[in-house]
Every structure is written in C-alpha cells, then in structure tokens.
C-alpha cells in the first residue's frame, strides 16, 4: 500500500475530478453543434464521433501500459491533458473536413483514456486510506452536470464557434490542479501480463462472453443517444441551454445511485444478472419514450432515467466482471468490459446512428435502440434462468 502524502491531496483531487469531468462534458455534449454549424451532416458527424471509440481501443491500453511502466499516472495524465489542449486549438481553427478528421484522430488518442487514467490516479492516492472512490466520483458527476447547465447559456451568448474557448479554460484549470497535486510514491507489484493465454482463459467462461455480447447490444443505443442528444434537442426546437439541462438531468443522480449500490447491492451472480435484465428493459422503455418525444422539455425529463439505466448497468457490469474473471486477470477483464461497452459499441453507434438519423429520422434511430435493448433484456433473462437452474461457481472456486 502507498502511504498518505505529507500534504493532503484529497481536496485538490476532488476539484481536479470536478473540472476534468466538466471539461469533457463540453466536448461530449456541445461539440456536435459546432460540427453541424460548419456544415456537417448527421452521418458525417456520426462517422467523426465514431473515431473516438475506435481510437480508444488502442489508446487505452497504450496509456495504461505507459502509466504502469512508469509508475507515474500523474505525469501520464499531464502529458495527455497538454496534448489535448494543443490539439483542441487546431480543431477549432481548421475548416477542411479531411484535416478535421486527421486532427480529431490525434485528439482522441490523448483525450479518450482520460477518465480511466483519472480513476487510476484517484485509486492510487486513496490506497491505504479511509477514503472511498465513490466520494471522488461524486465530484465528477457534479462537475459534469453543473458545467453542462452553466455552459449552455454561455455558449448561447458566445456563439457555437467559440465552444473551444470554454473547453480550453476548463482544461487549463484541471491542468493547474494536477500540477498542485504532490507526487505519488511508486507502487510495488503489478497485474498479470496480458497475452493470448490470458485471453483464452477469460474467453473460456461462456457467461462472461455472453455478458459482453449482450452488453454491446444494450450499449449501442446508449452511445447513439450520447452522440446525437444535442442535435435531437435542437431538432425539437430547443436551445443550447436546454441541451445543458438535458445533460444535467442525465447525470445529477448518477453518483447517488453509485453510493446506494455500494451500500445495498447484493453481491450474488444470479441477482446481478437479473438486475441487468431489468435495467435493459428500462433502457427499452427509455428509448421508446425518446422516439415519441415532441418537445425538448420531454427529453429533459426522460434523461432522468439515465441514472438508473446507465448507472445501474455500468456499476453492476463492473462488479459482475470481477466475479466472472479470475483474480489474476481482473484488470484485463475490466479492460475488455470497458473497451466493448464504450469502444466497440461507440464505433457501431456513430456510424449506425448517423445513418439512421440522416436517412430515416431521429424517431427511427431511437426505435432501433428499442429493438436492440429488448434483445439484450431477453438475453439476460435467459442467462438468469440458466444460472438459477444450474448454479454458478466463481472462477477462483473452480480452480
């Protein structure tokens, strides 16, 4: 275990988490409006945003390996933030579509692993202390929600082309807070190496493979909604401020749900799979409501379901991965879970969602999400029935 630094970093760490999440919500929720403003179609926007999840499939392992090798996540994060800061200045000053795609590919290489590495940073600092991760993640959710609400009217006043100024200002604050953090002591030990034998052993668990495949089906419409929500709100006659409120509604209760799960969730495989079946069904209901929405205010209220659906799925999915995968390979298992949930699903969602939105309209895009989530819910229900009938042994117990 690492010792607590002499100068307590925890307040600074909380505010860093607040501002890094606040910075990223500007890009995630408002950048699509900038792309539409410079003349990109929905399918072109979807294709560009799909680059991010695709690049993350390579960027996450690279930066993760570099952080483990150097035993200095703080330095790695500073490098990523400075790279992001430089590239975002170029993104908002090029108008050639080809150049935008090239620069954005480089931008995503630095930006997409930032949340994962920030989580690693927090876990390293609180290791051996009474502090819990959920308390720091709460600041992230607040940063995401409150920044979205404030940024909406600010962008309305400044104009969509100046989104980059807001992004840059917030990122500079996050960089300064990172510089204030004291250095961490090097950690001893490490995870088991990732190789084909590791992947084969993980892949031999058919429940885990089924969980990953069904998770992709459920995640695709969630990623489509994340990518095209701002365009949908504007299409329904909403303002930039309403985009901010829609994002606020989606995230304000997320951390509260995580804290409740920390305390009350039953750590039993059958219970968790049953919960995923229910959450996937709630996703189905959520996308049906989105398809039928006729005003921005309806979308804002529907977004309140995000805490239960996304929050409920991602938290339980993380816990299930730990139970499906042997102890020595849990880091690899979590990486596979995250890469398929946000990476593979994000690539499919960008292209599929953009094509559906442009050629058939937003309603059909959300109805496609209804079908995918329903299939996922049925799949998890069948898995739950099988586990209830045959039982399930944890991998370590089998060994």
Protein backbone atom coordinates (compact mmCIF):
# COMPACT_ATOMS: atom_id res chain seq x y z
CA UNK A 1 0.00 0.00 0.00
CA UNK A 2 1.10 3.55 -0.69
CA UNK A 3 1.46 5.94 2.21
CA UNK A 4 -0.56 9.13 2.51
CA UNK A 5 1.42 12.11 1.17
CA UNK A 6 2.52 14.61 3.80
CA UNK A 7 0.49 17.38 2.19
CA UNK A 8 -3.06 16.07 1.88
CA UNK A 9 -4.02 16.00 -1.80
CA UNK A 10 -7.62 14.96 -1.34
CA UNK A 11 -9.38 18.33 -1.66
CA UNK A 12 -7.29 19.19 -4.73
CA UNK A 13 -8.03 15.72 -6.12
CA UNK A 14 -11.78 16.28 -5.70
CA UNK A 15 -11.65 19.58 -7.55
CA UNK A 16 -9.46 18.09 -10.27
CA UNK A 17 -12.13 15.42 -10.76
CA UNK A 18 -14.82 18.12 -10.88
CA UNK A 19 -13.04 20.12 -13.57
CA UNK A 20 -11.82 17.24 -15.76
CA UNK A 21 -15.39 15.89 -15.97
CA UNK A 22 -16.66 19.43 -16.55
CA UNK A 23 -14.15 19.88 -19.38
CA UNK A 24 -15.18 16.67 -21.11
CA UNK A 25 -18.92 17.39 -20.96
CA UNK A 26 -18.28 20.47 -23.13
CA UNK A 27 -16.80 18.24 -25.81
CA UNK A 28 -19.23 15.32 -25.42
CA UNK A 29 -22.43 17.37 -25.40
CA UNK A 30 -21.74 20.53 -27.42
CA UNK A 31 -19.06 19.68 -29.99
CA UNK A 32 -21.68 18.11 -32.30
CA UNK A 33 -23.41 21.51 -32.51
CA UNK A 34 -20.15 23.05 -33.72
CA UNK A 35 -19.80 20.34 -36.39
CA UNK A 36 -23.38 20.96 -37.53
CA UNK A 37 -22.68 24.71 -37.56
CA UNK A 38 -19.77 24.26 -40.01
CA UNK A 39 -21.99 22.25 -42.34
CA UNK A 40 -21.50 18.59 -41.45
CA UNK A 41 -24.45 16.20 -41.93
CA UNK A 42 -25.65 13.77 -39.26
CA UNK A 43 -23.90 10.82 -40.92
CA UNK A 44 -20.64 12.81 -41.19
CA UNK A 45 -20.90 13.83 -37.52
CA UNK A 46 -21.60 10.22 -36.55
CA UNK A 47 -18.60 8.98 -38.54
CA UNK A 48 -16.31 11.60 -36.95
CA UNK A 49 -17.51 10.84 -33.41
CA UNK A 50 -17.08 7.10 -34.08
CA UNK A 51 -13.34 7.71 -34.47
CA UNK A 52 -13.12 8.38 -30.72
CA UNK A 53 -14.30 4.94 -29.53
CA UNK A 54 -12.23 3.28 -32.28
CA UNK A 55 -9.04 5.12 -31.29
CA UNK A 56 -9.77 4.36 -27.62
CA UNK A 57 -9.38 0.64 -28.35
CA UNK A 58 -5.66 1.34 -28.92
CA UNK A 59 -5.17 4.47 -26.81
CA UNK A 60 -6.48 2.98 -23.54
CA UNK A 61 -4.05 0.02 -23.50
CA UNK A 62 -1.16 2.29 -24.60
CA UNK A 63 -1.59 4.92 -21.89
CA UNK A 64 -2.47 2.28 -19.30
CA UNK A 65 0.70 0.35 -20.10
CA UNK A 66 2.76 3.57 -20.03
CA UNK A 67 1.32 4.51 -16.62
CA UNK A 68 2.08 1.05 -15.22
CA UNK A 69 5.57 1.02 -16.73
CA UNK A 70 6.50 4.48 -15.44
CA UNK A 71 4.56 4.06 -12.18
CA UNK A 72 3.62 7.73 -12.60
CA UNK A 73 -0.03 8.20 -13.60
CA UNK A 74 0.15 11.90 -12.69
CA UNK A 75 2.83 12.56 -15.32
CA UNK A 76 0.96 10.48 -17.91
CA UNK A 77 -2.24 12.45 -17.28
CA UNK A 78 -0.39 15.76 -17.58
CA UNK A 79 1.00 14.62 -20.93
CA UNK A 80 -2.48 13.63 -22.11
CA UNK A 81 -4.02 16.93 -20.99
CA UNK A 82 -1.32 19.06 -22.61
CA UNK A 83 -1.67 17.06 -25.85
CA UNK A 84 -5.45 17.56 -25.72
CA UNK A 85 -5.01 21.28 -25.04
CA UNK A 86 -2.71 21.78 -28.05
CA UNK A 87 -4.84 19.74 -30.44
CA UNK A 88 -8.14 21.38 -29.48
CA UNK A 89 -6.70 24.75 -30.59
CA UNK A 90 -6.12 23.24 -34.04
CA UNK A 91 -9.54 21.51 -34.19
CA UNK A 92 -11.45 24.78 -33.87
CA UNK A 93 -9.27 26.56 -36.43
CA UNK A 94 -9.44 24.20 -39.42
CA UNK A 95 -12.34 24.09 -41.83
CA UNK A 96 -11.17 21.40 -44.23
CA UNK A 97 -13.08 18.20 -43.42
CA UNK A 98 -10.09 15.96 -44.15
CA UNK A 99 -7.90 17.93 -41.76
CA UNK A 100 -10.61 17.82 -39.09
CA UNK A 101 -10.70 14.01 -39.31
CA UNK A 102 -6.89 13.80 -39.07
CA UNK A 103 -6.61 16.23 -36.14
CA UNK A 104 -9.54 14.63 -34.32
CA UNK A 105 -7.89 11.21 -34.59
CA UNK A 106 -4.85 12.63 -32.77
CA UNK A 107 -7.10 14.47 -30.31
CA UNK A 108 -8.98 11.28 -29.41
CA UNK A 109 -5.69 9.46 -28.81
CA UNK A 110 -4.94 11.86 -25.95
CA UNK A 111 -8.50 12.52 -24.75
CA UNK A 112 -10.40 9.20 -24.70
CA UNK A 113 -8.37 7.43 -21.94
CA UNK A 114 -8.51 10.45 -19.62
CA UNK A 115 -11.38 9.19 -17.45
CA UNK A 116 -9.83 5.76 -16.97
CA UNK A 117 -6.44 7.21 -16.03
CA UNK A 118 -8.10 9.75 -13.70
CA UNK A 119 -9.84 6.87 -11.91
CA UNK A 120 -6.48 5.10 -11.57
CA UNK A 121 -4.97 8.30 -10.16
CA UNK A 122 -7.71 8.56 -7.52
CA UNK A 123 -7.41 4.88 -6.56
CA UNK A 124 -3.63 5.27 -6.17
CA UNK A 125 -3.97 8.31 -3.91
CA UNK A 126 -6.65 6.78 -1.67
CA UNK A 127 -4.93 3.38 -1.41
CA UNK A 128 -4.39 2.61 2.30
CA UNK A 129 -6.63 5.49 3.46
CA UNK A 130 -10.23 5.56 4.75
CA UNK A 131 -11.35 7.47 1.64
CA UNK A 132 -13.66 5.74 -0.86
CA UNK A 133 -13.76 6.11 -4.63
CA UNK A 134 -17.48 6.97 -4.68
CA UNK A 135 -16.90 10.23 -2.82
CA UNK A 136 -14.47 11.43 -5.50
CA UNK A 137 -16.68 10.13 -8.34
CA UNK A 138 -19.47 12.27 -6.87
CA UNK A 139 -17.40 15.37 -7.66
CA UNK A 140 -17.03 14.12 -11.23
CA UNK A 141 -20.79 13.76 -11.64
CA UNK A 142 -21.35 17.21 -10.15
CA UNK A 143 -18.72 18.70 -12.47
CA UNK A 144 -20.38 17.04 -15.46
CA UNK A 145 -23.91 18.13 -14.51
CA UNK A 146 -23.26 21.68 -13.27
CA UNK A 147 -20.84 22.57 -16.08
CA UNK A 148 -23.39 21.44 -18.66
CA UNK A 149 -26.06 23.71 -17.15
CA UNK A 150 -23.76 26.75 -16.97
CA UNK A 151 -22.16 26.13 -20.38
CA UNK A 152 -25.49 26.13 -22.23
CA UNK A 153 -26.31 29.86 -21.79
CA UNK A 154 -22.60 30.79 -22.02
CA UNK A 155 -22.33 29.13 -25.44
CA UNK A 156 -25.64 30.74 -26.43
CA UNK A 157 -24.03 34.14 -25.70
CA UNK A 158 -20.57 33.46 -27.14
CA UNK A 159 -21.81 31.51 -30.15
CA UNK A 160 -21.21 27.89 -31.14
CA UNK A 161 -17.87 28.61 -32.93
CA UNK A 162 -16.36 29.64 -29.56
CA UNK A 163 -17.01 26.35 -27.74
CA UNK A 164 -13.24 25.82 -27.88
CA UNK A 165 -12.68 28.82 -25.57
CA UNK A 166 -14.88 27.29 -22.86
CA UNK A 167 -13.20 23.89 -23.25
CA UNK A 168 -9.71 25.44 -23.07
CA UNK A 169 -10.49 27.50 -19.94
CA UNK A 170 -11.77 24.48 -18.01
CA UNK A 171 -8.91 22.24 -19.14
CA UNK A 172 -6.34 24.83 -18.01
CA UNK A 173 -7.89 24.83 -14.51
CA UNK A 174 -7.68 21.00 -14.44
CA UNK A 175 -4.01 21.15 -15.50
CA UNK A 176 -3.19 23.67 -12.76
CA UNK A 177 -4.89 21.48 -10.14
CA UNK A 178 -2.91 18.48 -11.39
CA UNK A 179 0.34 20.45 -11.01
CA UNK A 180 -0.61 21.28 -7.39
CA UNK A 181 -1.02 17.58 -6.52
CA UNK A 182 2.05 16.15 -4.73
CA UNK A 183 3.98 13.32 -6.45
CA UNK A 184 2.93 9.77 -5.61
CA UNK A 185 5.18 7.05 -4.31
CA UNK A 186 5.90 4.26 -6.78
CA UNK A 187 3.69 1.22 -6.30
CA UNK A 188 5.17 -2.22 -5.90
CA UNK A 189 3.96 -5.29 -7.75
CA UNK A 190 1.75 -5.33 -10.79
CA UNK A 191 -1.00 -7.12 -12.68
CA UNK A 192 -0.61 -10.38 -14.52
CA UNK A 193 0.69 -9.90 -18.08
CA UNK A 194 -1.83 -9.79 -20.91
CA UNK A 195 -1.23 -12.46 -23.54
CA UNK A 196 -3.17 -14.94 -25.66
CA UNK A 197 -3.17 -17.49 -22.85
CA UNK A 198 -4.79 -14.90 -20.54
CA UNK A 199 -7.44 -14.02 -23.13
CA UNK A 200 -8.11 -17.71 -23.81
CA UNK A 201 -8.66 -18.40 -20.12
CA UNK A 202 -11.01 -15.44 -19.79
CA UNK A 203 -12.81 -16.43 -23.00
CA UNK A 204 -13.47 -19.94 -21.72
CA UNK A 205 -16.16 -18.52 -19.41
CA UNK A 206 -19.25 -18.56 -21.64
CA UNK A 207 -21.21 -16.47 -19.15
CA UNK A 208 -18.64 -13.69 -19.44
CA UNK A 209 -18.67 -13.88 -23.26
CA UNK A 210 -22.49 -13.77 -23.27
CA UNK A 211 -22.42 -10.83 -20.86
CA UNK A 212 -20.00 -8.94 -23.16
CA UNK A 213 -22.06 -9.60 -26.34
CA UNK A 214 -25.38 -8.66 -24.74
CA UNK A 215 -23.68 -5.61 -23.23
CA UNK A 216 -22.69 -4.39 -26.69
CA UNK A 217 -26.33 -4.64 -27.84
CA UNK A 218 -27.54 -2.63 -24.85
CA UNK A 219 -24.69 -0.09 -25.11
CA UNK A 220 -25.15 0.79 -28.82
CA UNK A 221 -28.40 2.79 -28.35
CA UNK A 222 -26.95 4.42 -25.22
CA UNK A 223 -23.95 5.60 -27.24
CA UNK A 224 -26.24 6.76 -30.08
CA UNK A 225 -28.16 8.86 -27.59
CA UNK A 226 -24.93 10.33 -26.16
CA UNK A 227 -23.69 11.23 -29.64
CA UNK A 228 -26.87 12.73 -31.05
CA UNK A 229 -28.75 14.04 -27.98
CA UNK A 230 -27.75 17.67 -28.55
CA UNK A 231 -28.81 17.54 -32.21
CA UNK A 232 -32.11 15.94 -31.20
CA UNK A 233 -32.86 18.68 -28.65
CA UNK A 234 -32.14 21.38 -31.27
CA UNK A 235 -34.27 19.50 -33.84
CA UNK A 236 -37.21 19.62 -31.42
CA UNK A 237 -36.82 23.40 -31.13
CA UNK A 238 -34.64 23.56 -28.05
CA UNK A 239 -31.79 25.96 -27.24
CA UNK A 240 -28.19 25.38 -26.15
CA UNK A 241 -29.38 25.97 -22.58
CA UNK A 242 -31.86 23.11 -22.94
CA UNK A 243 -29.05 20.87 -24.18
CA UNK A 244 -27.24 21.70 -20.94
CA UNK A 245 -30.31 20.90 -18.83
CA UNK A 246 -30.77 17.57 -20.64
CA UNK A 247 -27.18 16.62 -19.80
CA UNK A 248 -27.69 17.87 -16.22
CA UNK A 249 -30.76 15.65 -15.81
CA UNK A 250 -28.85 12.63 -17.06
CA UNK A 251 -26.02 12.88 -14.55
CA UNK A 252 -27.15 14.67 -11.39
CA UNK A 253 -28.40 11.48 -9.66
CA UNK A 254 -25.79 9.10 -11.09
CA UNK A 255 -23.30 9.33 -8.21
CA UNK A 256 -26.11 8.97 -5.64
CA UNK A 257 -27.04 5.67 -7.29
CA UNK A 258 -23.41 4.51 -7.10
CA UNK A 259 -23.34 5.27 -3.36
CA UNK A 260 -26.61 3.38 -2.82
CA UNK A 261 -25.26 0.38 -4.73
CA UNK A 262 -22.09 0.50 -2.62
CA UNK A 263 -24.25 0.01 0.43
CA UNK A 264 -27.19 -2.17 -0.63
CA UNK A 265 -26.33 -4.20 -3.75
CA UNK A 266 -26.30 -7.97 -3.17
CA UNK A 267 -23.01 -9.44 -4.38
CA UNK A 268 -24.60 -12.54 -5.95
CA UNK A 269 -24.23 -13.53 -9.62
CA UNK A 270 -27.86 -14.52 -10.20
CA UNK A 271 -29.16 -11.32 -8.57
CA UNK A 272 -26.86 -9.14 -10.67
CA UNK A 273 -27.75 -10.83 -13.97
CA UNK A 274 -31.44 -10.45 -13.09
CA UNK A 275 -30.79 -6.76 -12.40
CA UNK A 276 -29.17 -6.36 -15.85
CA UNK A 277 -32.29 -7.90 -17.45
CA UNK A 278 -34.46 -5.33 -15.64
CA UNK A 279 -32.15 -2.41 -16.49
CA UNK A 280 -32.05 -3.44 -20.16
CA UNK A 281 -35.86 -3.45 -20.15
CA UNK A 282 -35.80 0.04 -18.62
CA UNK A 283 -33.44 1.08 -21.43
CA UNK A 284 -36.08 -0.23 -23.89
CA UNK A 285 -38.74 1.91 -22.21
CA UNK A 286 -36.41 4.93 -22.20
CA UNK A 287 -35.72 4.76 -25.95
CA UNK A 288 -39.42 4.28 -26.68
CA UNK A 289 -40.16 7.49 -24.77
CA UNK A 290 -37.38 9.29 -26.65
CA UNK A 291 -38.82 8.16 -30.00
CA UNK A 292 -42.23 9.57 -29.02
CA UNK A 293 -40.93 12.87 -27.57
CA UNK A 294 -42.29 16.01 -29.20
CA UNK A 295 -40.62 18.76 -27.11
CA UNK A 296 -37.21 19.47 -25.54
CA UNK A 297 -38.77 19.51 -22.04
CA UNK A 298 -39.94 15.93 -22.51
CA UNK A 299 -36.40 14.92 -23.45
CA UNK A 300 -35.02 16.62 -20.31
CA UNK A 301 -37.39 14.65 -18.06
CA UNK A 302 -36.71 11.37 -19.91
CA UNK A 303 -32.98 11.92 -19.33
CA UNK A 304 -33.60 11.47 -15.59
CA UNK A 305 -33.81 7.73 -16.37
CA UNK A 306 -30.11 7.80 -17.28
CA UNK A 307 -29.01 7.38 -13.65
CA UNK A 308 -30.98 4.14 -13.25
CA UNK A 309 -30.26 2.74 -16.72
CA UNK A 310 -26.65 3.65 -17.48
CA UNK A 311 -25.63 3.97 -13.83
CA UNK A 312 -27.33 0.70 -12.91
CA UNK A 313 -25.85 -1.21 -15.83
CA UNK A 314 -22.29 0.10 -15.67
CA UNK A 315 -21.92 -0.34 -11.90
CA UNK A 316 -23.36 -3.88 -11.85
CA UNK A 317 -21.44 -4.79 -15.00
CA UNK A 318 -18.18 -3.75 -13.33
CA UNK A 319 -18.98 -5.92 -10.30
CA UNK A 320 -20.01 -8.90 -12.48
CA UNK A 321 -16.77 -8.69 -14.44
CA UNK A 322 -14.86 -9.05 -11.18
CA UNK A 323 -16.90 -12.19 -10.40
CA UNK A 324 -16.66 -13.75 -13.87
CA UNK A 325 -12.88 -13.33 -14.23
CA UNK A 326 -10.18 -14.99 -12.04
CA UNK A 327 -8.36 -12.67 -9.62
CA UNK A 328 -5.11 -12.64 -11.59
CA UNK A 329 -6.86 -11.39 -14.74
CA UNK A 330 -9.41 -8.93 -13.35
CA UNK A 331 -7.54 -5.91 -14.75
CA UNK A 332 -7.71 -7.47 -18.22
CA UNK A 333 -11.37 -8.36 -17.70
CA UNK A 334 -12.25 -4.79 -16.75
CA UNK A 335 -10.35 -3.50 -19.78
CA UNK A 336 -12.30 -5.85 -22.09
CA UNK A 337 -15.59 -4.81 -20.47
CA UNK A 338 -14.87 -1.09 -20.85
CA UNK A 339 -13.48 -1.44 -24.39
CA UNK A 340 -16.57 -3.30 -25.61
CA UNK A 341 -19.11 -1.15 -23.72
CA UNK A 342 -17.73 2.22 -24.85
CA UNK A 343 -15.28 1.34 -27.63
CA UNK A 344 -16.85 -1.26 -29.92
CA UNK A 345 -20.37 -0.02 -29.15
CA UNK A 346 -19.32 3.59 -29.76
CA UNK A 347 -17.93 2.82 -33.21
CA UNK A 348 -21.12 1.00 -34.25
CA UNK A 349 -23.32 3.69 -32.69
CA UNK A 350 -21.55 6.52 -34.54
CA UNK A 351 -21.98 5.00 -37.99
CA UNK A 352 -25.37 3.32 -37.44
CA UNK A 353 -26.88 6.24 -35.53
CA UNK A 354 -25.67 8.82 -38.05
CA UNK A 355 -27.00 6.78 -40.99
CA UNK A 356 -30.40 6.23 -39.33
CA UNK A 357 -30.72 9.86 -38.17
CA UNK A 358 -29.91 11.30 -41.61
CA UNK A 359 -31.84 8.84 -43.80
CA UNK A 360 -34.82 7.86 -41.65
CA UNK A 361 -35.03 10.46 -38.88
CA UNK A 362 -34.41 10.58 -35.15
CA UNK A 363 -37.55 8.56 -34.31
CA UNK A 364 -36.32 5.53 -36.27
CA UNK A 365 -32.89 5.83 -34.65
CA UNK A 366 -34.44 5.55 -31.20
CA UNK A 367 -36.79 2.74 -32.30
CA UNK A 368 -33.71 0.79 -33.42
CA UNK A 369 -32.45 1.31 -29.87
CA UNK A 370 -35.73 -0.13 -28.54
CA UNK A 371 -35.17 -3.32 -30.56
CA UNK A 372 -31.51 -3.73 -29.52
CA UNK A 373 -32.22 -3.15 -25.81
CA UNK A 374 -35.16 -5.56 -25.88
CA UNK A 375 -32.98 -8.31 -27.37
CA UNK A 376 -30.41 -7.62 -24.64
CA UNK A 377 -33.07 -7.81 -21.93
CA UNK A 378 -34.37 -11.15 -23.22
CA UNK A 379 -30.80 -12.49 -23.42
CA UNK A 380 -30.05 -11.52 -19.81
CA UNK A 381 -33.37 -13.01 -18.67
CA UNK A 382 -32.46 -16.34 -20.29
CA UNK A 383 -28.99 -16.18 -18.71
CA UNK A 384 -30.59 -15.51 -15.31
CA UNK A 385 -32.88 -18.54 -15.70
CA UNK A 386 -29.91 -20.73 -16.61
CA UNK A 387 -27.85 -19.55 -13.61
CA UNK A 388 -30.83 -20.11 -11.29
CA UNK A 389 -31.26 -23.64 -12.64
CA UNK A 390 -27.65 -24.80 -12.80
CA UNK A 391 -25.92 -22.52 -10.29
CA UNK A 392 -22.66 -20.66 -10.85
CA UNK A 393 -19.22 -21.10 -9.33
CA UNK A 394 -16.77 -18.21 -9.24
CA UNK A 395 -13.62 -18.84 -11.34
CA UNK A 396 -11.37 -18.90 -8.28
CA UNK A 397 -13.58 -21.55 -6.65
CA UNK A 398 -13.38 -23.69 -9.78
CA UNK A 399 -9.60 -23.56 -9.56
